[in-house]
Amino acid sequence: MGVLDKAVWVLDALAVRPRSLAELVEATKLSRATAHRLATALEAHHLVRRDDEGRFVLGVALIALGHVAVDAIPLAELARPALEHLRDATGESVQLYVRDGDRRICIAALESPHGLRTIVPVGASLALDVGSAGRILADGWRRPRDRGWEASVGEREAGVASVSAPVIDASGRLVAAVSVSGPIERTTRKPGSRYGEAVVVAADGVADALGQRA
């Protein structure tokens, strides 16, 4: 087994959650000495860092690499016209998320023109268990009767509401989630009734763009 393979095991384990050395050994099945040597070597290159509790976590250098990787993802580029239309139609910030393990990654984001707005940076890694987009991308999501969207109010962040819809490709595979989010004072506590239809249209627009590219 090559050193590179083992280093990827370390990064994959830390992508799930921060880990102490003992937890890293358990997750990777590497020896304690090897896990420590690889983690500290990755730390020297800023691919891994330590948190306030001394646990190993992913490092800031991965942010820059992530931005480069995101720019290379055709989906983000294909989705832009639909996202721009959604942003203009709702006046709120919009995002496109894909699933990565037990997280969701923002691969495209357009901000609302309002001074008070939600900001989710491209490359942000968020949990699946909170927020409308998380529920869309989580296992077991089923289209609710009479609608094709999910809404959340104050789940991921107090004072913020969101509505999300799935992007389904021609084979029926869930590939992404389109979201619109904003302060509750504008979205109201029933954001689905306000933005649900527009988000579904945008998600279908992204799916159509994927189909045309194929």
C-alpha atoms as a PDB file:
ATOM      1  CA  MET A   1       0.000   0.000   0.000  1.00  0.00           C
ATOM      2  CA  GLY A   2       1.512   3.310  -1.099  1.00  0.00           C
ATOM      3  CA  VAL A   3       2.053   6.315   1.084  1.00  0.00           C
ATOM      4  CA  LEU A   4      -0.358   8.341  -1.060  1.00  0.00           C
ATOM      5  CA  ASP A   5      -3.141   5.810  -0.495  1.00  0.00           C
ATOM      6  CA  LYS A   6      -2.611   5.986   3.254  1.00  0.00           C
ATOM      7  CA  ALA A   7      -2.583   9.787   3.210  1.00  0.00           C
ATOM      8  CA  VAL A   8      -5.919   9.759   1.374  1.00  0.00           C
ATOM      9  CA  TRP A   9      -7.304   7.439   4.058  1.00  0.00           C
ATOM     10  CA  VAL A  10      -6.344  10.053   6.645  1.00  0.00           C
ATOM     11  CA  LEU A  11      -8.000  12.869   4.698  1.00  0.00           C
ATOM     12  CA  ASP A  12     -11.132  10.796   4.079  1.00  0.00           C
ATOM     13  CA  ALA A  13     -11.415  10.039   7.789  1.00  0.00           C
ATOM     14  CA  LEU A  14     -11.069  13.724   8.681  1.00  0.00           C
ATOM     15  CA  ALA A  15     -13.635  14.692   6.041  1.00  0.00           C
ATOM     16  CA  VAL A  16     -16.231  12.911   8.168  1.00  0.00           C
ATOM     17  CA  ARG A  17     -15.357  14.667  11.437  1.00  0.00           C
ATOM     18  CA  PRO A  18     -12.430  15.877  13.569  1.00  0.00           C
ATOM     19  CA  ARG A  19     -10.526  13.007  15.163  1.00  0.00           C
ATOM     20  CA  SER A  20      -8.004  12.463  17.899  1.00  0.00           C
ATOM     21  CA  LEU A  21      -4.988  10.316  17.031  1.00  0.00           C
ATOM     22  CA  ALA A  22      -6.645   7.265  18.583  1.00  0.00           C
ATOM     23  CA  GLU A  23      -9.805   7.898  16.564  1.00  0.00           C
ATOM     24  CA  LEU A  24      -7.749   8.369  13.415  1.00  0.00           C
ATOM     25  CA  VAL A  25      -6.026   5.035  13.995  1.00  0.00           C
ATOM     26  CA  GLU A  26      -9.396   3.345  14.472  1.00  0.00           C
ATOM     27  CA  ALA A  27     -10.924   4.938  11.364  1.00  0.00           C
ATOM     28  CA  THR A  28      -7.986   4.255   9.014  1.00  0.00           C
ATOM     29  CA  LYS A  29      -6.780   0.934  10.474  1.00  0.00           C
ATOM     30  CA  LEU A  30      -3.237   2.295  10.229  1.00  0.00           C
ATOM     31  CA  SER A  31      -0.691   1.807  12.971  1.00  0.00           C
ATOM     32  CA  ARG A  32      -0.478   4.597  15.521  1.00  0.00           C
ATOM     33  CA  ALA A  33       2.990   5.577  14.327  1.00  0.00           C
ATOM     34  CA  THR A  34       1.970   5.656  10.667  1.00  0.00           C
ATOM     35  CA  ALA A  35      -1.220   7.620  11.318  1.00  0.00           C
ATOM     36  CA  HIS A  36       0.683  10.172  13.379  1.00  0.00           C
ATOM     37  CA  ARG A  37       3.480  10.484  10.825  1.00  0.00           C
ATOM     38  CA  LEU A  38       1.065  11.034   7.937  1.00  0.00           C
ATOM     39  CA  ALA A  39      -1.173  13.451   9.842  1.00  0.00           C
ATOM     40  CA  THR A  40       1.751  15.612  10.934  1.00  0.00           C
ATOM     41  CA  ALA A  41       3.240  15.537   7.418  1.00  0.00           C
ATOM     42  CA  LEU A  42      -0.108  16.709   6.003  1.00  0.00           C
ATOM     43  CA  GLU A  43      -0.213  19.341   8.739  1.00  0.00           C
ATOM     44  CA  ALA A  44       3.122  20.722   7.548  1.00  0.00           C
ATOM     45  CA  HIS A  45       1.539  21.286   4.125  1.00  0.00           C
ATOM     46  CA  HIS A  46      -1.578  22.870   5.692  1.00  0.00           C
ATOM     47  CA  LEU A  47      -3.767  20.044   4.437  1.00  0.00           C
ATOM     48  CA  VAL A  48      -4.450  19.102   8.061  1.00  0.00           C
ATOM     49  CA  ARG A  49      -4.530  21.259  11.181  1.00  0.00           C
ATOM     50  CA  ARG A  50      -5.354  20.906  14.882  1.00  0.00           C
ATOM     51  CA  ASP A  51      -8.481  22.329  16.485  1.00  0.00           C
ATOM     52  CA  ASP A  52      -8.692  23.872  19.954  1.00  0.00           C
ATOM     53  CA  GLU A  53      -9.054  20.406  21.471  1.00  0.00           C
ATOM     54  CA  GLY A  54      -5.948  19.106  19.731  1.00  0.00           C
ATOM     55  CA  ARG A  55      -7.869  16.932  17.303  1.00  0.00           C
ATOM     56  CA  PHE A  56      -6.835  16.609  13.681  1.00  0.00           C
ATOM     57  CA  VAL A  57      -9.129  18.415  11.213  1.00  0.00           C
ATOM     58  CA  LEU A  58      -8.939  19.280   7.533  1.00  0.00           C
ATOM     59  CA  GLY A  59      -6.618  22.204   6.785  1.00  0.00           C
ATOM     60  CA  VAL A  60      -7.093  25.530   5.071  1.00  0.00           C
ATOM     61  CA  ALA A  61      -5.014  24.581   2.013  1.00  0.00           C
ATOM     62  CA  LEU A  62      -7.868  22.322   0.965  1.00  0.00           C
ATOM     63  CA  ILE A  63     -10.106  25.383   0.601  1.00  0.00           C
ATOM     64  CA  ALA A  64      -7.991  26.732  -2.249  1.00  0.00           C
ATOM     65  CA  LEU A  65      -7.807  23.300  -3.837  1.00  0.00           C
ATOM     66  CA  GLY A  66     -11.564  22.980  -3.435  1.00  0.00           C
ATOM     67  CA  HIS A  67     -12.183  26.246  -5.260  1.00  0.00           C
ATOM     68  CA  VAL A  68     -10.068  25.030  -8.167  1.00  0.00           C
ATOM     69  CA  ALA A  69     -11.907  21.712  -8.213  1.00  0.00           C
ATOM     70  CA  VAL A  70     -15.298  23.405  -8.090  1.00  0.00           C
ATOM     71  CA  ASP A  71     -14.372  25.610 -11.030  1.00  0.00           C
ATOM     72  CA  ALA A  72     -13.704  22.442 -12.983  1.00  0.00           C
ATOM     73  CA  ILE A  73     -17.112  20.936 -12.257  1.00  0.00           C
ATOM     74  CA  PRO A  74     -19.337  21.342 -15.330  1.00  0.00           C
ATOM     75  CA  LEU A  75     -22.477  21.158 -13.198  1.00  0.00           C
ATOM     76  CA  ALA A  76     -21.812  24.528 -11.573  1.00  0.00           C
ATOM     77  CA  GLU A  77     -21.325  26.187 -14.949  1.00  0.00           C
ATOM     78  CA  LEU A  78     -24.369  24.508 -16.481  1.00  0.00           C
ATOM     79  CA  ALA A  79     -26.517  25.521 -13.520  1.00  0.00           C
ATOM     80  CA  ARG A  80     -25.619  29.199 -13.579  1.00  0.00           C
ATOM     81  CA  PRO A  81     -28.382  30.456 -15.924  1.00  0.00           C
ATOM     82  CA  ALA A  82     -31.075  28.726 -13.864  1.00  0.00           C
ATOM     83  CA  LEU A  83     -29.555  30.001 -10.618  1.00  0.00           C
ATOM     84  CA  GLU A  84     -29.347  33.552 -11.944  1.00  0.00           C
ATOM     85  CA  HIS A  85     -33.012  33.423 -12.959  1.00  0.00           C
ATOM     86  CA  LEU A  86     -33.977  32.105  -9.528  1.00  0.00           C
ATOM     87  CA  ARG A  87     -31.960  34.803  -7.765  1.00  0.00           C
ATOM     88  CA  ASP A  88     -33.551  37.514  -9.920  1.00  0.00           C
ATOM     89  CA  ALA A  89     -37.067  36.106  -9.537  1.00  0.00           C
ATOM     90  CA  THR A  90     -36.913  35.788  -5.749  1.00  0.00           C
ATOM     91  CA  GLY A  91     -34.460  38.553  -4.844  1.00  0.00           C
ATOM     92  CA  GLU A  92     -32.785  36.119  -2.443  1.00  0.00           C
ATOM     93  CA  SER A  93     -29.481  34.249  -2.349  1.00  0.00           C
ATOM     94  CA  VAL A  94     -29.349  30.936  -4.193  1.00  0.00           C
ATOM     95  CA  GLN A  95     -27.047  27.941  -3.905  1.00  0.00           C
ATOM     96  CA  LEU A  96     -26.320  24.618  -5.559  1.00  0.00           C
ATOM     97  CA  TYR A  97     -25.254  21.723  -3.335  1.00  0.00           C
ATOM     98  CA  VAL A  98     -23.927  18.240  -3.998  1.00  0.00           C
ATOM     99  CA  ARG A  99     -23.508  15.442  -1.501  1.00  0.00           C
ATOM    100  CA  ASP A 100     -20.072  14.359  -0.311  1.00  0.00           C
ATOM    101  CA  GLY A 101     -20.328  11.531   2.206  1.00  0.00           C
ATOM    102  CA  ASP A 102     -22.326  12.746   5.187  1.00  0.00           C
ATOM    103  CA  ARG A 103     -21.893  16.398   4.195  1.00  0.00           C
ATOM    104  CA  ARG A 104     -23.204  18.701   1.497  1.00  0.00           C
ATOM    105  CA  ILE A 105     -20.867  20.960  -0.452  1.00  0.00           C
ATOM    106  CA  CYS A 106     -21.860  24.286  -1.991  1.00  0.00           C
ATOM    107  CA  ILE A 107     -20.532  24.270  -5.559  1.00  0.00           C
ATOM    108  CA  ALA A 108     -22.257  27.449  -6.765  1.00  0.00           C
ATOM    109  CA  ALA A 109     -23.722  30.478  -4.995  1.00  0.00           C
ATOM    110  CA  LEU A 110     -25.209  33.812  -6.020  1.00  0.00           C
ATOM    111  CA  GLU A 111     -25.933  36.463  -3.409  1.00  0.00           C
ATOM    112  CA  SER A 112     -29.091  38.489  -2.996  1.00  0.00           C
ATOM    113  CA  PRO A 113     -28.817  42.180  -3.913  1.00  0.00           C
ATOM    114  CA  HIS A 114     -30.286  43.103  -0.511  1.00  0.00           C
ATOM    115  CA  GLY A 115     -27.970  44.396   2.194  1.00  0.00           C
ATOM    116  CA  LEU A 116     -29.386  41.840   4.628  1.00  0.00           C
ATOM    117  CA  ARG A 117     -28.848  38.468   2.970  1.00  0.00           C
ATOM    118  CA  THR A 118     -27.608  34.967   3.535  1.00  0.00           C
ATOM    119  CA  ILE A 119     -24.082  34.163   2.407  1.00  0.00           C
ATOM    120  CA  VAL A 120     -22.889  30.612   1.755  1.00  0.00           C
ATOM    121  CA  PRO A 121     -19.405  30.603   0.236  1.00  0.00           C
ATOM    122  CA  VAL A 122     -18.548  28.241  -2.584  1.00  0.00           C
ATOM    123  CA  GLY A 123     -16.781  25.263  -1.061  1.00  0.00           C
ATOM    124  CA  ALA A 124     -18.696  25.450   2.222  1.00  0.00           C
ATOM    125  CA  SER A 125     -19.237  22.021   3.775  1.00  0.00           C
ATOM    126  CA  LEU A 126     -22.492  21.724   5.710  1.00  0.00           C
ATOM    127  CA  ALA A 127     -24.277  18.956   7.568  1.00  0.00           C
ATOM    128  CA  LEU A 128     -26.998  16.877   5.955  1.00  0.00           C
ATOM    129  CA  ASP A 129     -29.176  16.731   9.050  1.00  0.00           C
ATOM    130  CA  VAL A 130     -30.167  20.405   9.097  1.00  0.00           C
ATOM    131  CA  GLY A 131     -31.597  22.624   6.390  1.00  0.00           C
ATOM    132  CA  SER A 132     -33.814  21.964   3.406  1.00  0.00           C
ATOM    133  CA  ALA A 133     -30.951  21.097   1.041  1.00  0.00           C
ATOM    134  CA  GLY A 134     -29.595  18.611   3.563  1.00  0.00           C
ATOM    135  CA  ARG A 135     -32.909  16.781   3.658  1.00  0.00           C
ATOM    136  CA  ILE A 136     -33.058  16.718  -0.134  1.00  0.00           C
ATOM    137  CA  LEU A 137     -29.599  15.150  -0.393  1.00  0.00           C
ATOM    138  CA  ALA A 138     -29.926  12.787   2.570  1.00  0.00           C
ATOM    139  CA  ASP A 139     -30.785   9.135   2.052  1.00  0.00           C
ATOM    140  CA  GLY A 140     -34.452   8.331   1.980  1.00  0.00           C
ATOM    141  CA  TRP A 141     -35.764  11.638   0.641  1.00  0.00           C
ATOM    142  CA  ARG A 142     -39.064  11.147  -1.098  1.00  0.00           C
ATOM    143  CA  ARG A 143     -41.017  13.729  -3.040  1.00  0.00           C
ATOM    144  CA  PRO A 144     -43.732  15.003  -0.685  1.00  0.00           C
ATOM    145  CA  ARG A 145     -47.248  14.678  -1.995  1.00  0.00           C
ATOM    146  CA  ASP A 146     -48.286  17.571  -4.229  1.00  0.00           C
ATOM    147  CA  ARG A 147     -44.886  19.222  -4.169  1.00  0.00           C
ATOM    148  CA  GLY A 148     -41.267  18.666  -5.112  1.00  0.00           C
ATOM    149  CA  TRP A 149     -39.478  20.811  -2.547  1.00  0.00           C
ATOM    150  CA  GLU A 150     -38.402  20.946   1.101  1.00  0.00           C
ATOM    151  CA  ALA A 151     -38.413  24.005   3.364  1.00  0.00           C
ATOM    152  CA  SER A 152     -36.667  24.838   6.620  1.00  0.00           C
ATOM    153  CA  VAL A 153     -37.007  27.737   9.037  1.00  0.00           C
ATOM    154  CA  GLY A 154     -34.226  28.566  11.482  1.00  0.00           C
ATOM    155  CA  GLU A 155     -32.655  25.092  11.323  1.00  0.00           C
ATOM    156  CA  ARG A 156     -29.111  25.719  10.145  1.00  0.00           C
ATOM    157  CA  GLU A 157     -28.962  29.326  11.286  1.00  0.00           C
ATOM    158  CA  ALA A 158     -31.319  31.353  13.452  1.00  0.00           C
ATOM    159  CA  GLY A 159     -33.351  33.876  11.499  1.00  0.00           C
ATOM    160  CA  VAL A 160     -32.795  32.192   8.132  1.00  0.00           C
ATOM    161  CA  ALA A 161     -35.252  30.173   6.058  1.00  0.00           C
ATOM    162  CA  SER A 162     -34.656  28.160   2.908  1.00  0.00           C
ATOM    163  CA  VAL A 163     -36.421  26.164   0.231  1.00  0.00           C
ATOM    164  CA  SER A 164     -34.690  23.467  -1.823  1.00  0.00           C
ATOM    165  CA  ALA A 165     -35.558  21.170  -4.722  1.00  0.00           C
ATOM    166  CA  PRO A 166     -33.773  18.148  -6.198  1.00  0.00           C
ATOM    167  CA  VAL A 167     -31.917  18.059  -9.497  1.00  0.00           C
ATOM    168  CA  ILE A 168     -32.727  14.686 -11.069  1.00  0.00           C
ATOM    169  CA  ASP A 169     -30.822  13.586 -14.168  1.00  0.00           C
ATOM    170  CA  ALA A 170     -32.246  11.678 -17.124  1.00  0.00           C
ATOM    171  CA  SER A 171     -31.510   8.328 -15.465  1.00  0.00           C
ATOM    172  CA  GLY A 172     -33.491   9.296 -12.376  1.00  0.00           C
ATOM    173  CA  ARG A 173     -30.416   9.880 -10.217  1.00  0.00           C
ATOM    174  CA  LEU A 174     -30.371  12.648  -7.617  1.00  0.00           C
ATOM    175  CA  VAL A 175     -27.310  14.737  -8.468  1.00  0.00           C
ATOM    176  CA  ALA A 176     -27.754  18.032  -6.612  1.00  0.00           C
ATOM    177  CA  ALA A 177     -30.058  20.344  -4.713  1.00  0.00           C
ATOM    178  CA  VAL A 178     -30.977  23.898  -5.680  1.00  0.00           C
ATOM    179  CA  SER A 179     -31.726  26.252  -2.775  1.00  0.00           C
ATOM    180  CA  VAL A 180     -32.976  29.745  -2.152  1.00  0.00           C
ATOM    181  CA  SER A 181     -32.376  31.232   1.289  1.00  0.00           C
ATOM    182  CA  GLY A 182     -32.910  34.506   3.068  1.00  0.00           C
ATOM    183  CA  PRO A 183     -33.866  36.231   6.309  1.00  0.00           C
ATOM    184  CA  ILE A 184     -37.194  35.135   7.752  1.00  0.00           C
ATOM    185  CA  GLU A 185     -38.469  38.699   7.761  1.00  0.00           C
ATOM    186  CA  ARG A 186     -38.598  38.486   3.948  1.00  0.00           C
ATOM    187  CA  THR A 187     -39.086  34.775   3.316  1.00  0.00           C
ATOM    188  CA  THR A 188     -41.723  34.498   6.111  1.00  0.00           C
ATOM    189  CA  ARG A 189     -42.096  31.336   8.162  1.00  0.00           C
ATOM    190  CA  LYS A 190     -43.753  29.614   5.232  1.00  0.00           C
ATOM    191  CA  PRO A 191     -41.060  30.011   2.594  1.00  0.00           C
ATOM    192  CA  GLY A 192     -42.292  27.033   0.619  1.00  0.00           C
ATOM    193  CA  SER A 193     -45.527  28.732  -0.337  1.00  0.00           C
ATOM    194  CA  ARG A 194     -43.525  31.769  -1.413  1.00  0.00           C
ATOM    195  CA  TYR A 195     -40.621  30.183  -3.300  1.00  0.00           C
ATOM    196  CA  GLY A 196     -41.371  26.472  -3.731  1.00  0.00           C
ATOM    197  CA  GLU A 197     -42.584  26.637  -7.313  1.00  0.00           C
ATOM    198  CA  ALA A 198     -39.699  28.858  -8.444  1.00  0.00           C
ATOM    199  CA  VAL A 199     -37.104  26.559  -6.855  1.00  0.00           C
ATOM    200  CA  VAL A 200     -38.599  23.490  -8.537  1.00  0.00           C
ATOM    201  CA  VAL A 201     -38.518  25.286 -11.898  1.00  0.00           C
ATOM    202  CA  ALA A 202     -34.857  26.194 -11.331  1.00  0.00           C
ATOM    203  CA  ALA A 203     -33.947  22.621 -10.362  1.00  0.00           C
ATOM    204  CA  ASP A 204     -35.700  21.307 -13.467  1.00  0.00           C
ATOM    205  CA  GLY A 205     -33.793  23.899 -15.506  1.00  0.00           C
ATOM    206  CA  VAL A 206     -30.491  22.561 -14.186  1.00  0.00           C
ATOM    207  CA  ALA A 207     -31.592  19.014 -15.000  1.00  0.00           C
ATOM    208  CA  ASP A 208     -32.528  20.090 -18.533  1.00  0.00           C
ATOM    209  CA  ALA A 209     -29.111  21.697 -18.991  1.00  0.00           C
ATOM    210  CA  LEU A 210     -27.477  18.452 -17.892  1.00  0.00           C
ATOM    211  CA  GLY A 211     -29.571  16.507 -20.374  1.00  0.00           C
ATOM    212  CA  GLN A 212     -28.717  18.839 -23.232  1.00  0.00           C
ATOM    213  CA  ARG A 213     -25.011  18.545 -22.444  1.00  0.00           C
ATOM    214  CA  ALA A 214     -25.230  14.769 -22.450  1.00  0.00           C
END
